[in-house]
Structure formats: C-alpha cells, structure tokens
Amino acid sequence: MKKFVSKLTLAIVVALVASLGVAGIASAAPLERLNLGITKEISMPTGTTTPASTFSFTFTQLVENAAGTGFVVASPATITFPATGPTINFLAGANPVGQATDILNGITWPHAGDFYIRVNEVANTNAATIGANPNESMTYTDAFFILRVRVANCDVANTLVPQLAYAVPGTPAVGGTYVFDEVSKLTTITPGTPGTDGVLEDPSQMRFVNNFTRTIISTPDNPALFFSKTTTGTYANHQLLFTFNGTLTIPDLAMTATPPFAGPVTAVITDSAGTVIAGRTVTVSGALPNLTFTADIRNGERIAFPSLPAGTVFNVTEVQDDEYSATAVVTIGNVPITPNPSATQGVNLTVGPHAVSDTLSNSVAFTNLHHESPLTGLWVGSMPIVAVLLVATVFLAMMVASRSRQRIEQLPVAL
C-alpha cells in the first residue's frame, strides 16, 4: 500500500511539473518589436510657410572589413530591405517637423545578432515642385547615421525581432571604410519608446535637417511690404512730405540658399491703389544682407517693396513734423500686431523689428494728427497793419489833446 501511495505521489508530482512547463511555454509572450523612427525638420526663416514636400531615406548594410578596422558596404547584402524606404510627407503650411515611425518593420533579417545600417536621405526628392520654382530653394543634407540594431530570436513565433538599437552620426568614409565610434553613440532605444503622431520625439536621435527659403515675387499693388501715410485734422496739410528712414536685414538662410538671394532690392512710391507715381523715388543703399532706405511721402501715398525674401526683418522711423503726432498700425501676414506704436507731438516714431511673412499682407500704416494752434484774435500776417493803425491812433489822440489845450488857454479869464 505504501509503495502504491509513493508511486501515485511521484506520478502526481511529475504530472504537475510537466503541466507547469507546458503552461510556462504557453504563457510566454512574443517579443515586442523595436519601434524606431527618423525625424525630419525643415529649417526656414520666420514668416515662411512650410512647403508641400516629400523626403525619402535609404538603408545600406555595412559589415566589418577584413582588417577589423572599420565597416564597408556589404556586397552582396544579406539584409533584405523594403523596396521603398521610409518616407516623410509635409502638407503645405504643416508643422515643419515630421517623423517616420516603425522604420524597421518590413526588414528581413538573416539571423539573430548585431547588424550595422547606414541611413541617409535621398537628395532632390522635390525637384518637380520646389526645384522648378525659381523663388524657392531647398537644400538637402548629406548627413547620415550608422545604426546598430540587435536582433533576437523569438522562439514562440519562430521569428527574428529587433530588440535594441542606437545610432552614431556618420563621418565620411576614408578609402571606403566607415568608422563606428562607440563613444559618440546616441541614446539607446529599446522597445516601448517610439515616436508617436502629435508627440514628436527622436526615438533614435536620427534627425535630418533641410533648409528652405522663399522669395515673395509680387507687384506694387500687392507688395511684399509697404508703408502708408495718412494725415488727419481740420487744418492738416495733405501736401506735407514726411521722411521715412529704415533698415532691411535679409535672413541668413536666404543668403546661403542654392542659389543664394542676390537681389536687387528695390522700392517704389505708389498711391493708395498701388499705382506707381512717376518721378518719385526710394533710395535703397548698402550691401546684402544689411540695407537701408529713405523716402518722402505725403497723405495717401505708400512706400512699396514688391519683392523680398520671407523672413526679411525691417525697422522704419518716421521723422515727425512739430505740429503732428503719429500712430501706426502694424500688420504681418494679415494679422494685426498689438499694441499700436505711437509718439507724442513732434516726436519721431520708430516701428520694428518685424519679419516679413510670405502670407501677405505686411504693412505699417502711419497716421499723423495735426494739432492746431489756438487763435489769439490777431493774425500774425496782419500785425504790420495793426501797428501802423495803432501809431496813427496815438498820433491823432495827441493832436486832439494839443488842440484842446490851446483852446482852453485862449479862453478869457474872469476876474
């Protein structure tokens, strides 16, 4: 009986252990695939609208060279990459930072272990749009990253799953050999730290930056920038000229664009409808990127700059007449900027700095109020005549007084 019990106990223990082992296998969760991303930034001057654009990236496998001193392009490659690499699309006016996530999805790994991948941007992917527009310029970065990915065996699914990765900024290959600098490696990425839509992160620290500039090509009646003049008041002189002095600073990105902005920057004087007034000039001087301008305009006139690079920074000062005070309304990209600048009577008014937006309009509307002097009852122009009349009156009074005295002296004296 005891032997039977011991055998039964042993059988139960064996069965229990076996069942636990099966349960353990059954409950094993698949490995989570590493969600890796590429971040793209379009760097633009202030006031520039993000262009509709597409950016693509390529993967190239690297392997250690025979000498063990670096890495070379694998030939033939053992990793099978997707036919089309990661792509990032920007809509017109979108946030100038975008991201491609889960970029390792679709890669076929030959075995577990560490793999090295060169990640670079495809050049000139917007040649048909931005490249064909003479007033727009996009520079493509030749920067690249070397990505190290550690791939693990997933026994349950019988698949290979990337589990860990980090990248290093790439340096130009010397003799076809790339160097992977462990010291300069960027943040290590593990499963569970992806970038998500709306929360732009750098899950692999692989960030590619492109420069974009746009020059506003427009007309005098709808210029890139204009300054207008209005004089108000019952006795305001609508023919009085006011002098405007200002500065323009072309953005650095426009000066280093391909091709760089070379000018010239010109301006005209127009009426309120934008019609150019013949015989009137605006003097623009200096050398790019720093320019100065000066012009004289009166009521109902404008100083207009038809074309400027978006992001051009301006300052302008109106030289004030002693009998007027000035206020200004600033509009940038159709948006009024508050509060409105103002100055007291006889004081110059300076506005700026502000950056020109490619969403027109950009303007500063100056209004000058005339302050009339209180009347004293006498016109200054009539003062000489009044003086003559006053002298004549005094002289006449003296004559009358003299004759009256003589008559009094000639009267008989009664004794």
Protein backbone atom coordinates (compact mmCIF):
# COMPACT_ATOMS: atom_id res chain seq x y z
CA MET A 1 0.00 0.00 0.00
CA LYS A 2 2.81 2.34 0.89
CA LYS A 3 4.53 1.57 -2.41
CA PHE A 4 1.31 2.34 -4.26
CA VAL A 5 0.94 5.68 -2.48
CA SER A 6 4.56 6.64 -3.15
CA LYS A 7 4.23 5.76 -6.81
CA LEU A 8 0.99 7.74 -7.01
CA THR A 9 2.61 10.71 -5.34
CA LEU A 10 5.56 10.56 -7.73
CA ALA A 11 3.24 10.40 -10.70
CA ILE A 12 1.30 13.44 -9.48
CA VAL A 13 4.49 15.42 -8.92
CA VAL A 14 5.80 14.54 -12.39
CA ALA A 15 2.49 15.47 -13.98
CA LEU A 16 2.39 18.74 -12.06
CA VAL A 17 5.90 19.67 -13.11
CA ALA A 18 5.13 18.78 -16.72
CA SER A 19 1.95 20.82 -16.70
CA LEU A 20 3.77 23.82 -15.27
CA GLY A 21 6.34 23.54 -18.01
CA VAL A 22 3.65 23.46 -20.68
CA ALA A 23 1.85 26.36 -19.03
CA GLY A 24 5.10 28.29 -18.93
CA ILE A 25 5.64 27.81 -22.65
CA ALA A 26 2.05 28.62 -23.44
CA SER A 27 2.15 31.84 -21.41
CA ALA A 28 5.40 33.13 -22.92
CA ALA A 29 4.65 36.45 -24.67
CA PRO A 30 6.11 37.25 -28.10
CA LEU A 31 8.99 39.71 -28.07
CA GLU A 32 7.96 43.28 -28.80
CA ARG A 33 9.49 44.65 -31.99
CA LEU A 34 11.54 47.80 -31.56
CA ASN A 35 9.67 50.85 -32.91
CA LEU A 36 12.34 53.08 -34.38
CA GLY A 37 11.87 56.45 -36.07
CA ILE A 38 13.50 59.05 -38.31
CA THR A 39 12.85 62.74 -37.65
CA LYS A 40 12.85 65.34 -40.43
CA GLU A 41 13.00 69.10 -39.82
CA ILE A 42 12.59 71.85 -42.40
CA SER A 43 14.51 74.89 -41.15
CA MET A 44 13.02 78.14 -42.50
CA PRO A 45 13.24 81.87 -41.78
CA THR A 46 10.47 83.31 -39.59
CA GLY A 47 7.39 84.05 -41.68
CA THR A 48 7.99 81.26 -44.20
CA THR A 49 5.18 78.78 -44.84
CA THR A 50 6.12 75.09 -44.87
CA PRO A 51 6.04 73.82 -48.47
CA ALA A 52 4.24 70.67 -49.57
CA SER A 53 7.15 68.24 -49.82
CA THR A 54 8.29 64.63 -49.62
CA PHE A 55 11.50 63.19 -48.16
CA SER A 56 12.77 59.64 -48.60
CA PHE A 57 15.54 57.68 -46.88
CA THR A 58 17.63 54.67 -47.85
CA PHE A 59 19.17 51.81 -45.81
CA THR A 60 22.51 50.28 -46.71
CA GLN A 61 24.00 47.34 -44.82
CA LEU A 62 27.55 47.70 -43.52
CA VAL A 63 29.86 44.86 -42.46
CA GLU A 64 33.23 44.82 -40.73
CA ASN A 65 36.15 44.94 -43.12
CA ALA A 66 38.79 42.21 -43.28
CA ALA A 67 41.29 44.15 -41.21
CA GLY A 68 38.76 44.75 -38.45
CA THR A 69 39.42 48.49 -38.51
CA GLY A 70 36.04 49.71 -39.69
CA PHE A 71 32.99 48.97 -41.78
CA VAL A 72 32.37 48.80 -45.51
CA VAL A 73 29.26 48.45 -47.65
CA ALA A 74 28.15 44.80 -47.67
CA SER A 75 28.37 43.22 -51.08
CA PRO A 76 26.29 41.26 -51.55
CA ALA A 77 23.91 42.47 -48.84
CA THR A 78 22.43 39.87 -46.54
CA ILE A 79 19.60 42.01 -45.15
CA THR A 80 16.52 42.40 -47.31
CA PHE A 81 15.18 45.95 -47.01
CA PRO A 82 11.72 47.09 -48.18
CA ALA A 83 11.61 48.17 -51.83
CA THR A 84 10.74 51.72 -50.80
CA GLY A 85 12.46 53.14 -47.77
CA PRO A 86 10.89 55.34 -45.07
CA THR A 87 9.11 58.42 -46.38
CA ILE A 88 8.02 61.63 -44.62
CA ASN A 89 5.41 63.89 -46.23
CA PHE A 90 4.66 67.52 -45.37
CA LEU A 91 1.45 69.27 -46.29
CA ALA A 92 1.59 72.95 -47.22
CA GLY A 93 1.66 75.01 -44.04
CA ALA A 94 2.19 71.97 -41.80
CA ASN A 95 4.38 71.77 -38.72
CA PRO A 96 7.95 71.88 -40.10
CA VAL A 97 8.90 68.78 -38.09
CA GLY A 98 7.72 65.31 -39.13
CA GLN A 99 8.55 61.72 -38.40
CA ALA A 100 8.56 58.26 -39.95
CA THR A 101 7.97 55.65 -37.23
CA ASP A 102 8.44 51.88 -37.08
CA ILE A 103 11.05 52.08 -39.80
CA LEU A 104 12.39 48.57 -39.10
CA ASN A 105 9.06 47.00 -39.98
CA GLY A 106 9.34 45.02 -43.20
CA ILE A 107 13.08 44.30 -42.98
CA THR A 108 14.02 40.63 -43.38
CA TRP A 109 16.82 39.65 -41.01
CA PRO A 110 19.02 36.65 -41.97
CA HIS A 111 19.78 35.65 -38.37
CA ALA A 112 20.00 36.94 -34.80
CA GLY A 113 22.86 39.19 -33.78
CA ASP A 114 24.11 42.74 -34.35
CA PHE A 115 23.69 44.50 -37.69
CA TYR A 116 25.04 47.85 -38.90
CA ILE A 117 22.98 50.01 -41.26
CA ARG A 118 23.83 53.32 -42.93
CA VAL A 119 20.78 55.63 -43.02
CA ASN A 120 20.83 58.62 -45.39
CA GLU A 121 18.43 60.99 -47.12
CA VAL A 122 17.67 60.77 -50.83
CA ALA A 123 18.66 64.07 -52.46
CA ASN A 124 16.40 66.30 -54.55
CA THR A 125 13.15 64.46 -53.89
CA ASN A 126 11.10 67.60 -54.67
CA ALA A 127 12.71 68.58 -57.96
CA ALA A 128 9.39 68.62 -59.81
CA THR A 129 7.83 71.14 -57.42
CA ILE A 130 10.24 73.16 -55.30
CA GLY A 131 13.13 72.63 -57.70
CA ALA A 132 11.10 74.01 -60.59
CA ASN A 133 10.07 77.18 -58.72
CA PRO A 134 12.70 79.93 -59.13
CA ASN A 135 11.63 81.80 -55.98
CA GLU A 136 12.01 78.73 -53.71
CA SER A 137 15.14 76.89 -52.58
CA MET A 138 15.52 73.59 -50.72
CA THR A 139 18.91 72.28 -49.62
CA TYR A 140 19.25 68.55 -48.93
CA THR A 141 21.52 67.30 -46.19
CA ASP A 142 24.34 64.88 -46.91
CA ALA A 143 24.45 63.88 -43.24
CA PHE A 144 23.96 60.21 -42.42
CA PHE A 145 23.83 57.93 -39.41
CA ILE A 146 25.20 54.46 -38.74
CA LEU A 147 22.56 52.46 -36.94
CA ARG A 148 23.40 49.40 -34.85
CA VAL A 149 20.47 47.03 -34.39
CA ARG A 150 20.49 43.97 -32.10
CA VAL A 151 18.14 41.23 -33.35
CA ALA A 152 16.85 38.47 -31.07
CA ASN A 153 15.28 35.06 -31.63
CA CYS A 154 11.61 34.89 -30.78
CA ASP A 155 11.06 31.18 -30.09
CA VAL A 156 7.30 31.34 -29.78
CA ALA A 157 6.71 32.93 -33.14
CA ASN A 158 9.84 31.45 -34.66
CA THR A 159 10.82 34.89 -35.94
CA LEU A 160 13.66 37.37 -35.60
CA VAL A 161 12.82 40.57 -33.75
CA PRO A 162 14.93 43.76 -33.37
CA GLN A 163 15.20 44.49 -29.66
CA LEU A 164 17.77 47.24 -29.16
CA ALA A 165 19.38 49.93 -31.30
CA TYR A 166 21.44 53.07 -31.21
CA ALA A 167 22.98 55.33 -33.84
CA VAL A 168 26.13 57.38 -34.29
CA PRO A 169 26.50 60.40 -36.57
CA GLY A 170 28.25 59.25 -39.69
CA THR A 171 31.59 60.63 -40.84
CA PRO A 172 32.78 60.48 -44.46
CA ALA A 173 34.28 57.14 -45.40
CA VAL A 174 38.05 57.06 -45.82
CA GLY A 175 39.02 54.68 -48.57
CA GLY A 176 35.51 53.23 -48.44
CA THR A 177 35.81 52.47 -44.72
CA TYR A 178 33.34 53.85 -42.18
CA VAL A 179 34.17 54.28 -38.51
CA PHE A 180 31.65 53.37 -35.83
CA ASP A 181 32.52 55.44 -32.79
CA GLU A 182 31.08 53.84 -29.65
CA VAL A 183 31.88 56.96 -27.64
CA SER A 184 29.66 59.19 -29.79
CA LYS A 185 26.66 56.86 -29.85
CA LEU A 186 23.31 58.49 -29.26
CA THR A 187 20.58 57.48 -26.85
CA THR A 188 19.99 53.73 -26.71
CA ILE A 189 16.49 52.81 -27.82
CA THR A 190 14.59 49.80 -26.52
CA PRO A 191 11.05 48.56 -27.23
CA GLY A 192 8.32 50.79 -25.84
CA THR A 193 9.85 54.21 -26.69
CA PRO A 194 8.54 55.04 -30.16
CA GLY A 195 7.75 58.46 -31.52
CA THR A 196 4.01 58.96 -31.96
CA ASP A 197 1.92 61.23 -34.14
CA GLY A 198 1.40 64.55 -32.41
CA VAL A 199 4.24 63.90 -29.96
CA LEU A 200 7.37 64.45 -31.97
CA GLU A 201 10.24 62.67 -30.33
CA ASP A 202 13.62 61.46 -31.56
CA PRO A 203 13.37 57.75 -30.71
CA SER A 204 16.66 57.02 -32.44
CA GLN A 205 18.13 60.55 -32.36
CA MET A 206 18.38 60.34 -36.16
CA ARG A 207 17.35 63.87 -37.10
CA PHE A 208 17.79 65.22 -40.64
CA VAL A 209 17.53 69.00 -41.21
CA ASN A 210 16.90 70.68 -44.57
CA ASN A 211 16.92 74.42 -45.23
CA PHE A 212 14.11 76.07 -47.17
CA THR A 213 13.65 79.69 -48.29
CA ARG A 214 11.02 81.51 -50.33
CA THR A 215 11.25 84.92 -52.02
CA ILE A 216 7.99 86.82 -52.34
CA ILE A 217 7.61 87.80 -56.01
CA SER A 218 4.79 90.31 -56.21
CA THR A 219 3.60 93.62 -57.67
CA PRO A 220 3.42 97.26 -56.44
CA ASP A 221 -0.32 96.98 -55.78
CA ASN A 222 0.15 93.84 -53.62
CA PRO A 223 3.76 94.15 -52.44
CA ALA A 224 5.77 92.07 -50.03
CA LEU A 225 5.93 95.09 -47.69
CA PHE A 226 4.61 98.64 -47.72
CA PHE A 227 4.41 101.73 -45.50
CA SER A 228 1.44 104.06 -45.92
CA LYS A 229 0.77 107.66 -44.83
CA THR A 230 -2.45 109.41 -43.73
CA THR A 231 -2.69 112.92 -42.26
CA THR A 232 -5.79 113.94 -40.30
CA GLY A 233 -7.11 117.10 -38.70
CA THR A 234 -9.23 120.08 -39.84
CA TYR A 235 -6.17 122.09 -40.79
CA ALA A 236 -3.84 119.18 -41.72
CA ASN A 237 -1.62 119.84 -44.71
CA HIS A 238 -2.20 116.90 -47.07
CA GLN A 239 0.69 118.05 -49.27
CA LEU A 240 3.24 117.99 -46.45
CA LEU A 241 6.01 115.41 -47.06
CA PHE A 242 7.15 113.18 -44.21
CA THR A 243 10.57 111.50 -44.34
CA PHE A 244 10.88 107.76 -43.65
CA ASN A 245 14.20 106.08 -42.86
CA GLY A 246 14.50 102.31 -42.39
CA THR A 247 16.62 99.18 -42.45
CA LEU A 248 16.17 95.75 -44.03
CA THR A 249 18.03 92.59 -42.97
CA ILE A 250 17.86 89.64 -45.36
CA PRO A 251 17.72 86.28 -43.47
CA ASP A 252 20.93 84.25 -43.32
CA LEU A 253 19.25 81.16 -44.81
CA ALA A 254 18.30 83.16 -47.91
CA MET A 255 21.91 84.28 -48.31
CA THR A 256 23.17 80.68 -48.14
CA ALA A 257 20.38 79.14 -50.23
CA THR A 258 21.07 77.37 -53.52
CA PRO A 259 21.16 79.67 -55.40
CA PRO A 260 21.62 82.39 -52.76
CA PHE A 261 19.45 85.50 -52.77
CA ALA A 262 21.36 88.13 -54.73
CA GLY A 263 18.81 90.95 -55.03
CA PRO A 264 18.49 93.65 -56.04
CA VAL A 265 16.02 95.04 -53.51
CA THR A 266 14.00 97.89 -55.00
CA ALA A 267 11.06 100.01 -53.87
CA VAL A 268 8.59 102.44 -55.44
CA ILE A 269 6.20 105.15 -54.28
CA THR A 270 2.56 104.50 -55.11
CA ASP A 271 -0.84 105.98 -54.46
CA SER A 272 -3.31 104.23 -52.16
CA ALA A 273 -4.44 101.96 -55.04
CA GLY A 274 -0.92 100.76 -55.70
CA THR A 275 -0.31 102.75 -58.89
CA VAL A 276 3.31 103.83 -59.21
CA ILE A 277 3.79 107.63 -59.04
CA ALA A 278 6.20 108.74 -61.75
CA GLY A 279 9.18 110.86 -60.81
CA ARG A 280 9.21 109.80 -57.14
CA THR A 281 11.99 107.56 -55.83
CA VAL A 282 13.01 105.43 -52.87
CA THR A 283 16.73 105.24 -52.16
CA VAL A 284 17.90 101.75 -51.16
CA SER A 285 21.58 101.50 -50.26
CA GLY A 286 24.07 99.22 -48.52
CA ALA A 287 25.23 95.68 -49.25
CA LEU A 288 23.37 92.43 -48.68
CA PRO A 289 22.27 91.29 -46.20
CA ASN A 290 22.02 94.73 -44.49
CA LEU A 291 20.26 97.51 -46.39
CA THR A 292 18.95 100.99 -45.59
CA PHE A 293 16.24 103.00 -47.34
CA THR A 294 14.85 106.53 -47.27
CA ALA A 295 11.88 108.20 -48.96
CA ASP A 296 9.44 111.10 -48.60
CA ILE A 297 5.69 110.52 -48.88
CA ARG A 298 2.53 112.52 -48.19
CA ASN A 299 -1.09 111.79 -47.39
CA GLY A 300 -2.49 108.87 -49.45
CA GLU A 301 0.91 107.56 -50.60
CA ARG A 302 2.89 104.38 -49.94
CA ILE A 303 6.47 103.15 -49.97
CA ALA A 304 6.19 99.68 -51.55
CA PHE A 305 8.73 96.81 -51.75
CA PRO A 306 7.27 94.42 -54.34
CA SER A 307 9.69 91.54 -53.69
CA LEU A 308 11.58 90.41 -50.58
CA PRO A 309 12.67 87.09 -49.09
CA ALA A 310 10.24 85.85 -46.45
CA GLY A 311 11.78 86.47 -43.05
CA THR A 312 13.34 89.81 -44.00
CA VAL A 313 13.47 91.92 -40.82
CA PHE A 314 12.59 95.61 -41.08
CA ASN A 315 12.71 98.73 -38.90
CA VAL A 316 11.30 102.08 -40.00
CA THR A 317 11.33 105.57 -38.47
CA GLU A 318 9.06 108.44 -39.46
CA VAL A 319 10.64 111.86 -38.96
CA GLN A 320 7.96 113.96 -37.28
CA ASP A 321 6.78 117.48 -38.01
CA ASP A 322 6.45 119.78 -34.97
CA GLU A 323 2.68 120.22 -35.44
CA TYR A 324 1.85 116.49 -35.77
CA SER A 325 1.78 113.34 -33.64
CA ALA A 326 1.99 109.83 -35.09
CA THR A 327 0.43 106.42 -34.51
CA ALA A 328 0.96 103.24 -36.53
CA VAL A 329 -0.92 100.01 -37.22
CA VAL A 330 1.36 97.05 -37.97
CA THR A 331 0.07 94.06 -39.96
CA ILE A 332 2.22 90.95 -40.53
CA GLY A 333 0.84 88.14 -42.66
CA ASN A 334 -2.66 89.65 -42.49
CA VAL A 335 -2.51 89.58 -38.66
CA PRO A 336 -2.61 92.93 -36.76
CA ILE A 337 0.19 93.30 -34.24
CA THR A 338 -0.80 94.98 -31.00
CA PRO A 339 -0.37 97.30 -29.23
CA ASN A 340 -0.21 100.07 -31.82
CA PRO A 341 3.00 102.13 -31.62
CA SER A 342 2.54 105.86 -31.02
CA ALA A 343 4.53 109.00 -30.24
CA THR A 344 3.77 112.43 -28.79
CA GLN A 345 3.57 115.64 -30.80
CA GLY A 346 6.75 116.47 -32.65
CA VAL A 347 8.49 113.18 -31.71
CA ASN A 348 9.76 110.65 -34.29
CA LEU A 349 8.01 107.26 -34.36
CA THR A 350 10.05 104.04 -34.82
CA VAL A 351 8.40 100.70 -35.67
CA GLY A 352 10.09 97.29 -35.63
CA PRO A 353 11.79 94.94 -35.75
CA HIS A 354 9.27 92.75 -37.58
CA ALA A 355 9.80 89.88 -40.04
CA VAL A 356 8.07 89.81 -43.43
CA SER A 357 5.66 86.87 -43.89
CA ASP A 358 5.02 85.16 -47.23
CA THR A 359 1.34 85.24 -46.26
CA LEU A 360 0.53 88.78 -47.44
CA SER A 361 -0.04 91.45 -46.41
CA ASN A 362 2.81 93.05 -44.48
CA SER A 363 2.39 96.75 -43.78
CA VAL A 364 2.75 99.65 -41.39
CA ALA A 365 0.02 102.28 -41.70
CA PHE A 366 1.15 105.63 -40.25
CA THR A 367 -1.47 108.21 -39.27
CA ASN A 368 -0.45 111.76 -38.32
CA LEU A 369 -2.83 114.02 -36.39
CA HIS A 370 -2.43 117.75 -36.85
CA HIS A 371 -2.51 119.81 -33.66
CA GLU A 372 -3.82 123.31 -34.49
CA SER A 373 -2.52 126.31 -32.52
CA PRO A 374 -5.19 128.27 -30.56
CA LEU A 375 -6.16 131.60 -32.14
CA THR A 376 -5.13 134.78 -30.24
CA GLY A 377 -7.58 137.13 -32.09
CA LEU A 378 -4.88 138.62 -34.31
CA TRP A 379 -3.41 137.12 -37.41
CA VAL A 380 0.33 137.26 -37.46
CA GLY A 381 0.19 138.33 -41.10
CA SER A 382 -1.82 141.45 -40.21
CA MET A 383 0.48 142.68 -37.45
CA PRO A 384 2.31 145.36 -39.54
CA ILE A 385 -1.01 147.00 -40.49
CA VAL A 386 -2.24 146.86 -36.90
CA ALA A 387 0.97 148.54 -35.77
CA VAL A 388 0.52 151.36 -38.27
CA LEU A 389 -3.09 151.86 -37.19
CA LEU A 390 -2.08 151.88 -33.54
CA VAL A 391 0.60 154.54 -34.14
CA ALA A 392 -1.84 156.65 -36.17
CA THR A 393 -4.45 156.44 -33.40
CA VAL A 394 -1.94 157.54 -30.77
CA PHE A 395 -0.76 160.40 -33.01
CA LEU A 396 -4.36 161.54 -33.62
CA ALA A 397 -5.11 161.42 -29.90
CA MET A 398 -2.06 163.55 -29.20
CA MET A 399 -3.15 166.13 -31.81
CA VAL A 400 -6.67 166.33 -30.35
CA ALA A 401 -5.28 166.75 -26.87
CA SER A 402 -2.91 169.50 -28.04
CA ARG A 403 -5.65 171.50 -29.74
CA SER A 404 -7.96 171.15 -26.77
CA ARG A 405 -5.28 172.56 -24.55
CA GLN A 406 -4.72 175.52 -26.87
CA ARG A 407 -8.45 176.33 -26.83
CA ILE A 408 -8.56 176.19 -23.09
CA GLU A 409 -5.57 178.52 -22.83
CA GLN A 410 -7.25 181.05 -25.20
CA LEU A 411 -10.41 181.34 -23.10
CA PRO A 412 -10.79 184.72 -21.23
CA VAL A 413 -10.11 184.61 -17.58
CA ALA A 414 -12.83 186.13 -15.39
CA LEU A 415 -11.54 188.37 -12.59
